[in-house]
Amino acid sequence: MTASDYDAELDARGLFCPEPVMMLHNRINEVEPGCLLRVVATDPSTTRDIPRFCQFLGHELVQEEELGDEFVFVIRRGDG
C-alpha cells in the first residue's frame, strides 16, 4: 500500500502502551468517515489493542501486517 492509497497516517513508532492507542483515538477523529488511516507502530501490544479499538468504536480494520519490527494497520473510519 502506497501513500496514495490512504488518506492520513499516524507514526506511533517508539511509543509504548497506552500511547499508540491514545494517539490513534485523537488522530482518527481528524479523518473523515469512510477515509483510511495508516498506523505504523513498534509496540507488539498494538496487535491486540488496535483491533479491539476498531471493534469497540465501529471502525474497520482493513489491513494488518508485520514488517520487520514494525506493525502496520490500515483503518477505515466508521461513522461514529
Protein backbone atom coordinates (compact mmCIF):
# COMPACT_ATOMS: atom_id res chain seq x y z
CA MET A 1 0.00 0.00 0.00
CA THR A 2 1.41 3.36 -1.03
CA ALA A 3 0.78 6.82 0.42
CA SER A 4 -1.81 7.50 -2.27
CA ASP A 5 -3.85 4.51 -1.04
CA TYR A 6 -4.70 6.07 2.35
CA ASP A 7 -5.85 9.49 3.48
CA ALA A 8 -3.78 10.06 6.63
CA GLU A 9 -1.01 8.45 8.67
CA LEU A 10 -0.10 8.10 12.32
CA ASP A 11 3.51 7.34 13.22
CA ALA A 12 3.50 5.68 16.66
CA ARG A 13 6.97 4.13 16.36
CA GLY A 14 8.91 4.09 19.61
CA LEU A 15 5.80 4.58 21.75
CA PHE A 16 4.51 2.03 24.25
CA CYS A 17 1.07 1.12 25.58
CA PRO A 18 -1.16 3.04 26.08
CA GLU A 19 0.32 5.88 23.97
CA PRO A 20 -0.27 4.44 20.46
CA VAL A 21 -3.98 3.87 21.11
CA MET A 22 -4.37 7.25 22.83
CA MET A 23 -2.81 8.93 19.79
CA LEU A 24 -4.98 6.82 17.48
CA HIS A 25 -8.10 7.92 19.33
CA ASN A 26 -7.21 11.58 18.67
CA ARG A 27 -6.00 11.07 15.08
CA ILE A 28 -9.00 9.03 13.88
CA ASN A 29 -11.24 11.99 14.77
CA GLU A 30 -9.29 14.14 12.31
CA VAL A 31 -10.10 11.73 9.46
CA GLU A 32 -13.42 11.92 7.63
CA PRO A 33 -15.79 8.92 7.98
CA GLY A 34 -15.01 6.32 5.31
CA CYS A 35 -11.43 7.51 4.85
CA LEU A 36 -8.34 5.40 5.54
CA LEU A 37 -5.79 5.98 8.29
CA ARG A 38 -2.47 4.12 8.20
CA VAL A 39 -0.84 3.48 11.59
CA VAL A 40 2.80 2.40 11.99
CA ALA A 41 3.86 1.19 15.44
CA THR A 42 6.68 -0.78 17.06
CA ASP A 43 4.91 -1.87 20.26
CA PRO A 44 3.77 -5.52 19.92
CA SER A 45 0.76 -4.80 22.16
CA THR A 46 -0.75 -2.79 19.29
CA THR A 47 -1.53 -6.10 17.55
CA ARG A 48 -4.04 -6.68 20.34
CA ASP A 49 -5.05 -3.12 21.18
CA ILE A 50 -5.72 -1.65 17.73
CA PRO A 51 -8.09 -4.42 16.55
CA ARG A 52 -10.02 -4.06 19.83
CA PHE A 53 -10.09 -0.28 19.42
CA CYS A 54 -11.63 -0.72 15.96
CA GLN A 55 -14.15 -3.30 17.15
CA PHE A 56 -15.36 -1.26 20.12
CA LEU A 57 -15.56 2.07 18.29
CA GLY A 58 -17.02 0.86 14.99
CA HIS A 59 -14.02 1.33 12.71
CA GLU A 60 -12.96 -1.24 10.10
CA LEU A 61 -9.50 -2.79 10.32
CA VAL A 62 -8.79 -3.09 6.61
CA GLN A 63 -5.23 -4.38 6.81
CA GLU A 64 -2.81 -5.55 9.48
CA GLU A 65 0.73 -6.68 8.80
CA GLU A 66 4.11 -7.05 10.45
CA LEU A 67 7.05 -5.62 8.52
CA GLY A 68 10.25 -6.48 10.37
CA ASP A 69 9.96 -4.81 13.76
CA GLU A 70 7.06 -2.59 12.70
CA PHE A 71 3.34 -3.23 12.83
CA VAL A 72 1.26 -1.57 10.14
CA PHE A 73 -2.51 -1.12 10.33
CA VAL A 74 -4.92 0.46 7.88
CA ILE A 75 -8.18 1.56 9.44
CA ARG A 76 -11.31 2.84 7.71
CA ARG A 77 -13.02 5.35 9.96
CA GLY A 78 -16.58 4.45 10.86
CA ASP A 79 -19.48 6.86 11.09
CA GLY A 80 -19.11 7.43 14.82
